[in-house]
Amino acid sequence: MEDQVTNTMPNNEEIHEFRKQIDAVIQRAQLLQSAIGRNNGGREISLVVTKLQEGKMWAGKILEAFGSPFPKELADKAE
């Protein structure tokens, strides 16, 4: 499956779909992480998971920039 990238401004739905695709890869990486554990490559797969999570977060920041509000129930706030 090959995604087409265009030079047009993406809409919120496209960014949401992109985040879902990243999440699917995160889940696959976490399965590998479970299988690898602390063996050779354990640190590296942990970094892969972390960087994918960061990518998903940054894609969320794109949504914020487009005016899509962050869900209040997910916001962390000190009380």
N, C-alpha and C. Protein backbone atom coordinates (compact mmCIF):
# COMPACT_ATOMS: atom_id res chain seq x y z
N MET A 1 0.85 -1.18 0.00
CA MET A 1 0.00 0.00 0.00
C MET A 1 0.90 1.23 0.00
N GLU A 2 0.75 2.06 -1.02
CA GLU A 2 1.57 3.23 -1.14
C GLU A 2 0.69 4.46 -1.05
N ASP A 3 1.00 5.35 -0.10
CA ASP A 3 0.23 6.58 0.06
C ASP A 3 0.74 7.63 -0.90
N GLN A 4 -0.18 8.40 -1.43
CA GLN A 4 0.19 9.50 -2.30
C GLN A 4 0.30 10.77 -1.48
N VAL A 5 1.38 11.49 -1.65
CA VAL A 5 1.58 12.76 -0.97
C VAL A 5 1.42 13.84 -2.02
N THR A 6 0.58 14.82 -1.72
CA THR A 6 0.37 15.92 -2.66
C THR A 6 0.95 17.19 -2.07
N ASN A 7 1.04 18.20 -2.90
CA ASN A 7 1.56 19.48 -2.45
C ASN A 7 0.45 20.40 -1.95
N THR A 8 -0.74 19.87 -1.72
CA THR A 8 -1.83 20.68 -1.20
C THR A 8 -1.82 20.62 0.33
N MET A 9 -2.41 21.62 0.94
CA MET A 9 -2.49 21.69 2.39
C MET A 9 -3.36 20.55 2.90
N PRO A 10 -2.84 19.74 3.82
CA PRO A 10 -3.65 18.63 4.35
C PRO A 10 -4.79 19.17 5.22
N ASN A 11 -5.86 18.41 5.29
CA ASN A 11 -6.94 18.82 6.17
C ASN A 11 -6.83 18.04 7.48
N ASN A 12 -7.65 18.41 8.45
CA ASN A 12 -7.59 17.77 9.76
C ASN A 12 -7.78 16.26 9.69
N GLU A 13 -8.68 15.80 8.82
CA GLU A 13 -8.94 14.37 8.71
C GLU A 13 -7.70 13.62 8.23
N GLU A 14 -6.97 14.22 7.30
CA GLU A 14 -5.74 13.59 6.80
C GLU A 14 -4.68 13.49 7.91
N ILE A 15 -4.59 14.52 8.72
CA ILE A 15 -3.63 14.50 9.83
C ILE A 15 -4.07 13.47 10.87
N HIS A 16 -5.36 13.39 11.16
CA HIS A 16 -5.87 12.37 12.09
C HIS A 16 -5.54 10.97 11.57
N GLU A 17 -5.74 10.75 10.28
CA GLU A 17 -5.44 9.45 9.68
C GLU A 17 -3.95 9.15 9.77
N PHE A 18 -3.12 10.15 9.54
CA PHE A 18 -1.67 9.98 9.65
C PHE A 18 -1.29 9.58 11.07
N ARG A 19 -1.91 10.22 12.07
CA ARG A 19 -1.64 9.87 13.47
C ARG A 19 -2.07 8.43 13.77
N LYS A 20 -3.17 7.99 13.18
CA LYS A 20 -3.62 6.60 13.36
C LYS A 20 -2.60 5.63 12.76
N GLN A 21 -2.06 5.99 11.60
CA GLN A 21 -1.05 5.15 10.98
C GLN A 21 0.20 5.07 11.86
N ILE A 22 0.62 6.20 12.42
CA ILE A 22 1.76 6.21 13.33
C ILE A 22 1.46 5.32 14.53
N ASP A 23 0.23 5.42 15.06
CA ASP A 23 -0.15 4.62 16.22
C ASP A 23 -0.07 3.13 15.91
N ALA A 24 -0.46 2.75 14.70
CA ALA A 24 -0.38 1.34 14.31
C ALA A 24 1.07 0.87 14.30
N VAL A 25 1.98 1.72 13.84
CA VAL A 25 3.40 1.37 13.83
C VAL A 25 3.94 1.31 15.25
N ILE A 26 3.46 2.21 16.12
CA ILE A 26 3.86 2.18 17.53
C ILE A 26 3.47 0.84 18.13
N GLN A 27 2.26 0.38 17.87
CA GLN A 27 1.81 -0.90 18.41
C GLN A 27 2.66 -2.05 17.90
N ARG A 28 3.03 -2.03 16.63
CA ARG A 28 3.91 -3.07 16.09
C ARG A 28 5.28 -3.02 16.76
N ALA A 29 5.80 -1.81 16.97
CA ALA A 29 7.10 -1.66 17.62
C ALA A 29 7.05 -2.15 19.06
N GLN A 30 5.93 -1.91 19.74
CA GLN A 30 5.79 -2.38 21.12
C GLN A 30 5.75 -3.90 21.19
N LEU A 31 5.17 -4.55 20.18
CA LEU A 31 5.21 -6.02 20.12
C LEU A 31 6.65 -6.51 19.98
N LEU A 32 7.39 -5.85 19.11
CA LEU A 32 8.81 -6.19 18.96
C LEU A 32 9.56 -5.95 20.26
N GLN A 33 9.23 -4.85 20.91
CA GLN A 33 9.88 -4.51 22.18
C GLN A 33 9.64 -5.60 23.21
N SER A 34 8.42 -6.11 23.25
CA SER A 34 8.10 -7.20 24.18
C SER A 34 8.90 -8.45 23.86
N ALA A 35 9.05 -8.73 22.57
CA ALA A 35 9.78 -9.93 22.16
C ALA A 35 11.27 -9.80 22.42
N ILE A 36 11.80 -8.61 22.19
CA ILE A 36 13.24 -8.39 22.35
C ILE A 36 13.63 -8.26 23.82
N GLY A 37 12.76 -7.58 24.59
CA GLY A 37 13.06 -7.37 26.01
C GLY A 37 14.35 -6.61 26.19
N ARG A 38 15.19 -7.08 27.10
CA ARG A 38 16.45 -6.40 27.39
C ARG A 38 17.64 -7.03 26.67
N ASN A 39 17.35 -7.91 25.71
CA ASN A 39 18.41 -8.53 24.92
C ASN A 39 19.07 -7.50 24.02
N ASN A 40 20.02 -7.97 23.21
CA ASN A 40 20.65 -7.07 22.24
C ASN A 40 19.58 -6.41 21.39
N GLY A 41 19.63 -5.11 21.30
CA GLY A 41 18.64 -4.36 20.53
C GLY A 41 17.51 -3.82 21.38
N GLY A 42 17.46 -4.17 22.67
CA GLY A 42 16.39 -3.70 23.54
C GLY A 42 16.35 -2.20 23.69
N ARG A 43 17.52 -1.60 23.88
CA ARG A 43 17.59 -0.14 24.02
C ARG A 43 17.14 0.52 22.72
N GLU A 44 17.58 -0.03 21.62
CA GLU A 44 17.28 0.56 20.32
C GLU A 44 15.78 0.50 20.02
N ILE A 45 15.13 -0.62 20.30
CA ILE A 45 13.69 -0.71 20.02
C ILE A 45 12.92 0.22 20.96
N SER A 46 13.43 0.40 22.18
CA SER A 46 12.80 1.37 23.08
C SER A 46 12.88 2.77 22.51
N LEU A 47 14.02 3.09 21.91
CA LEU A 47 14.16 4.40 21.27
C LEU A 47 13.21 4.54 20.08
N VAL A 48 13.05 3.47 19.32
CA VAL A 48 12.11 3.49 18.19
C VAL A 48 10.71 3.83 18.68
N VAL A 49 10.26 3.16 19.74
CA VAL A 49 8.93 3.41 20.30
C VAL A 49 8.82 4.86 20.74
N THR A 50 9.83 5.34 21.46
CA THR A 50 9.80 6.72 21.97
C THR A 50 9.72 7.72 20.82
N LYS A 51 10.53 7.54 19.80
CA LYS A 51 10.54 8.49 18.68
C LYS A 51 9.23 8.45 17.90
N LEU A 52 8.65 7.28 17.75
CA LEU A 52 7.34 7.20 17.09
C LEU A 52 6.28 7.93 17.91
N GLN A 53 6.33 7.78 19.24
CA GLN A 53 5.39 8.49 20.11
C GLN A 53 5.59 9.99 19.97
N GLU A 54 6.83 10.43 19.87
CA GLU A 54 7.10 11.85 19.66
C GLU A 54 6.53 12.32 18.33
N GLY A 55 6.69 11.49 17.30
CA GLY A 55 6.14 11.84 15.99
C GLY A 55 4.63 12.01 16.03
N LYS A 56 3.96 11.11 16.74
CA LYS A 56 2.51 11.22 16.89
C LYS A 56 2.15 12.50 17.63
N MET A 57 2.92 12.83 18.65
CA MET A 57 2.68 14.06 19.41
C MET A 57 2.85 15.29 18.51
N TRP A 58 3.91 15.31 17.71
CA TRP A 58 4.14 16.46 16.83
C TRP A 58 3.05 16.57 15.77
N ALA A 59 2.55 15.45 15.29
CA ALA A 59 1.42 15.51 14.36
C ALA A 59 0.20 16.11 15.05
N GLY A 60 0.04 15.83 16.34
CA GLY A 60 -1.03 16.46 17.11
C GLY A 60 -0.84 17.96 17.21
N LYS A 61 0.42 18.39 17.30
CA LYS A 61 0.70 19.83 17.33
C LYS A 61 0.31 20.49 16.00
N ILE A 62 0.45 19.74 14.90
CA ILE A 62 0.00 20.26 13.61
C ILE A 62 -1.51 20.50 13.66
N LEU A 63 -2.25 19.55 14.25
CA LEU A 63 -3.70 19.72 14.38
C LEU A 63 -4.03 20.96 15.19
N GLU A 64 -3.28 21.17 16.28
CA GLU A 64 -3.50 22.38 17.10
C GLU A 64 -3.26 23.63 16.26
N ALA A 65 -2.20 23.61 15.45
CA ALA A 65 -1.89 24.77 14.61
C ALA A 65 -3.00 25.04 13.60
N PHE A 66 -3.69 23.97 13.17
CA PHE A 66 -4.81 24.11 12.24
C PHE A 66 -6.10 24.49 12.95
N GLY A 67 -6.05 24.61 14.27
CA GLY A 67 -7.22 25.04 15.02
C GLY A 67 -8.04 23.92 15.62
N SER A 68 -7.56 22.69 15.55
CA SER A 68 -8.28 21.56 16.16
C SER A 68 -7.91 21.52 17.64
N PRO A 69 -8.87 21.71 18.53
CA PRO A 69 -8.55 21.77 19.96
C PRO A 69 -8.12 20.42 20.52
N PHE A 70 -7.23 20.45 21.50
CA PHE A 70 -6.81 19.25 22.21
C PHE A 70 -7.95 18.85 23.13
N PRO A 71 -8.35 17.57 23.15
CA PRO A 71 -9.46 17.15 24.01
C PRO A 71 -9.17 17.45 25.49
N LYS A 72 -10.09 18.13 26.15
CA LYS A 72 -9.90 18.53 27.53
C LYS A 72 -9.65 17.34 28.46
N GLU A 73 -10.29 16.20 28.17
CA GLU A 73 -10.14 15.04 29.04
C GLU A 73 -8.73 14.45 28.99
N LEU A 74 -7.95 14.80 27.96
CA LEU A 74 -6.59 14.30 27.84
C LEU A 74 -5.54 15.28 28.36
N ALA A 75 -5.96 16.48 28.67
CA ALA A 75 -5.01 17.50 29.12
C ALA A 75 -4.55 17.21 30.56
N ASP A 76 -3.25 17.29 30.78
CA ASP A 76 -2.69 17.16 32.11
C ASP A 76 -2.54 18.55 32.72
N LYS A 77 -3.07 18.71 33.90
CA LYS A 77 -2.96 20.00 34.56
C LYS A 77 -2.65 19.80 36.04
N ALA A 78 -1.72 20.60 36.55
CA ALA A 78 -1.44 20.57 37.97
C ALA A 78 -2.57 21.29 38.71
N GLU A 79 -2.94 20.74 39.84
CA GLU A 79 -4.03 21.38 40.59
C GLU A 79 -3.51 21.92 41.89
